[in-house]
Amino acid sequence: MASRNARLEAAALVFVVFLLGLLLGGVGSHLWDEHTQVLAEQTAQLNTKATRDQVINDLTQRLQLTPDQQKQIAVAIDDTRSKWQTLYAPLDAPREQIRQQGRTNIRAVLTPDQQIKFDDFLKRLDEQRKKDASR
């Protein structure tokens, strides 16, 4: 009889430990998913270049800029972006070469069907890059 009770207690203990592991795994997985989603959103925000008008509108709301200040800030933003473009322009050709080499390396790993999908992905990516560059 005591042996039977011990077995039942052991089985119940194993079952409880299993349930606790399942519960802890589910909660941990949920928390990890939320964490990675927040990181993805933050990264997307950092990688999105605001347009000049968006920056001016944001500053106008936050600082209550006058129209004259808005014009002066627009000039400052344009000047700064122009200087950045001048600074990085010499790197455009090497950067494009590196990008194309990376794409070639990735294509070498893919199947023909995957290469078609990859090329579609790159087409959308390049269109987005052009759209962002025109801001």
Protein backbone atom coordinates (compact mmCIF):
# COMPACT_ATOMS: atom_id res chain seq x y z
CA MET A 1 0.00 0.00 0.00
CA ALA A 2 2.80 2.40 0.93
CA SER A 3 4.54 1.53 -2.31
CA ARG A 4 1.40 2.36 -4.28
CA ASN A 5 1.06 5.73 -2.52
CA ALA A 6 4.72 6.47 -3.18
CA ARG A 7 4.21 5.71 -6.88
CA LEU A 8 1.15 7.96 -7.05
CA GLU A 9 3.04 10.75 -5.29
CA ALA A 10 5.99 10.32 -7.66
CA ALA A 11 3.72 10.35 -10.71
CA ALA A 12 1.92 13.45 -9.41
CA LEU A 13 5.26 15.14 -8.77
CA VAL A 14 6.48 14.33 -12.29
CA PHE A 15 3.20 15.63 -13.72
CA VAL A 16 3.44 18.89 -11.70
CA VAL A 17 7.05 19.41 -12.75
CA PHE A 18 6.04 18.79 -16.38
CA LEU A 19 3.21 21.34 -16.12
CA LEU A 20 5.49 23.90 -14.50
CA GLY A 21 8.06 23.41 -17.26
CA LEU A 22 5.38 23.81 -19.89
CA LEU A 23 4.07 26.96 -18.22
CA LEU A 24 7.55 28.45 -17.77
CA GLY A 25 8.45 27.64 -21.37
CA GLY A 26 5.27 29.29 -22.66
CA VAL A 27 5.79 32.43 -20.59
CA GLY A 28 9.45 32.62 -21.54
CA SER A 29 8.63 32.20 -25.21
CA HIS A 30 5.97 34.91 -25.02
CA LEU A 31 8.36 37.33 -23.28
CA TRP A 32 11.10 36.61 -25.82
CA ASP A 33 8.71 37.24 -28.72
CA GLU A 34 7.66 40.58 -27.22
CA HIS A 35 11.31 41.51 -26.66
CA THR A 36 12.31 40.75 -30.25
CA GLN A 37 9.27 42.61 -31.59
CA VAL A 38 10.20 45.73 -29.59
CA LEU A 39 13.78 45.49 -30.84
CA ALA A 40 12.57 45.12 -34.44
CA GLU A 41 10.35 48.19 -34.10
CA GLN A 42 13.18 50.23 -32.58
CA THR A 43 15.55 49.15 -35.35
CA ALA A 44 12.98 50.03 -38.00
CA GLN A 45 12.57 53.48 -36.49
CA LEU A 46 16.33 54.03 -36.42
CA ASN A 47 16.69 52.90 -40.03
CA THR A 48 13.94 55.18 -41.30
CA LYS A 49 15.29 58.52 -42.41
CA ALA A 50 12.85 61.32 -41.70
CA THR A 51 12.18 63.78 -44.47
CA ARG A 52 13.08 67.41 -44.01
CA ASP A 53 9.41 68.32 -43.74
CA GLN A 54 8.83 65.66 -41.09
CA VAL A 55 11.74 67.00 -39.03
CA ILE A 56 10.51 70.58 -39.35
CA ASN A 57 6.93 69.59 -38.46
CA ASP A 58 8.14 67.64 -35.44
CA LEU A 59 10.32 70.52 -34.24
CA THR A 60 7.52 73.01 -34.88
CA GLN A 61 5.17 71.02 -32.66
CA ARG A 62 7.73 70.43 -29.93
CA LEU A 63 9.28 73.91 -29.91
CA GLN A 64 6.45 76.08 -31.26
CA LEU A 65 8.67 77.43 -34.05
CA THR A 66 7.70 80.60 -35.86
CA PRO A 67 7.45 80.52 -39.67
CA ASP A 68 10.75 82.40 -39.89
CA GLN A 69 12.44 79.82 -37.64
CA GLN A 70 10.99 77.03 -39.77
CA LYS A 71 12.57 78.54 -42.89
CA GLN A 72 15.95 78.97 -41.18
CA ILE A 73 15.88 75.42 -39.86
CA ALA A 74 14.95 74.11 -43.33
CA VAL A 75 18.03 75.85 -44.72
CA ALA A 76 20.19 74.36 -41.96
CA ILE A 77 18.82 70.87 -42.62
CA ASP A 78 19.36 71.19 -46.38
CA ASP A 79 22.92 72.43 -45.82
CA THR A 80 23.72 69.61 -43.41
CA ARG A 81 22.29 66.92 -45.70
CA SER A 82 24.19 68.37 -48.65
CA LYS A 83 27.44 68.18 -46.68
CA TRP A 84 26.70 64.58 -45.68
CA GLN A 85 26.01 63.65 -49.30
CA THR A 86 29.27 65.30 -50.39
CA LEU A 87 31.16 63.46 -47.66
CA TYR A 88 29.78 60.03 -48.56
CA ALA A 89 29.56 60.39 -52.35
CA PRO A 90 33.06 58.94 -52.93
CA LEU A 91 31.95 55.78 -51.12
CA ASP A 92 28.94 55.14 -53.37
CA ALA A 93 30.80 53.06 -55.98
CA PRO A 94 32.68 50.83 -53.50
CA ARG A 95 29.53 50.41 -51.41
CA GLU A 96 27.57 49.31 -54.49
CA GLN A 97 30.35 46.89 -55.46
CA ILE A 98 30.30 45.36 -51.97
CA ARG A 99 26.48 45.12 -52.09
CA GLN A 100 26.56 43.33 -55.46
CA GLN A 101 29.29 40.94 -54.31
CA GLY A 102 27.23 40.08 -51.23
CA ARG A 103 24.19 39.43 -53.39
CA THR A 104 26.25 37.21 -55.69
CA ASN A 105 27.51 35.24 -52.69
CA ILE A 106 23.95 34.75 -51.42
CA ARG A 107 22.67 33.68 -54.86
CA ALA A 108 25.40 31.02 -55.02
CA VAL A 109 23.83 29.31 -52.00
CA LEU A 110 20.24 29.42 -53.25
CA THR A 111 18.29 27.05 -55.47
CA PRO A 112 16.96 28.42 -58.78
CA ASP A 113 13.48 28.85 -57.26
CA GLN A 114 14.94 30.64 -54.25
CA GLN A 115 17.02 32.87 -56.53
CA ILE A 116 13.85 34.08 -58.27
CA LYS A 117 12.26 34.94 -54.92
CA PHE A 118 15.51 36.55 -53.76
CA ASP A 119 15.62 38.70 -56.91
CA ASP A 120 12.04 39.83 -56.27
CA PHE A 121 12.98 40.69 -52.70
CA LEU A 122 16.00 42.68 -53.90
CA LYS A 123 13.88 44.53 -56.43
CA ARG A 124 11.53 45.70 -53.67
CA LEU A 125 14.49 46.53 -51.44
CA ASP A 126 16.15 48.60 -54.18
CA GLU A 127 12.89 50.44 -54.89
CA GLN A 128 12.55 51.27 -51.19
CA ARG A 129 16.18 52.41 -51.07
CA LYS A 130 15.60 54.76 -54.05
CA LYS A 131 12.43 56.07 -52.45
CA ASP A 132 14.26 56.72 -49.16
CA ALA A 133 17.16 58.39 -50.97
CA SER A 134 14.82 60.84 -52.67
CA ARG A 135 13.59 62.17 -49.33
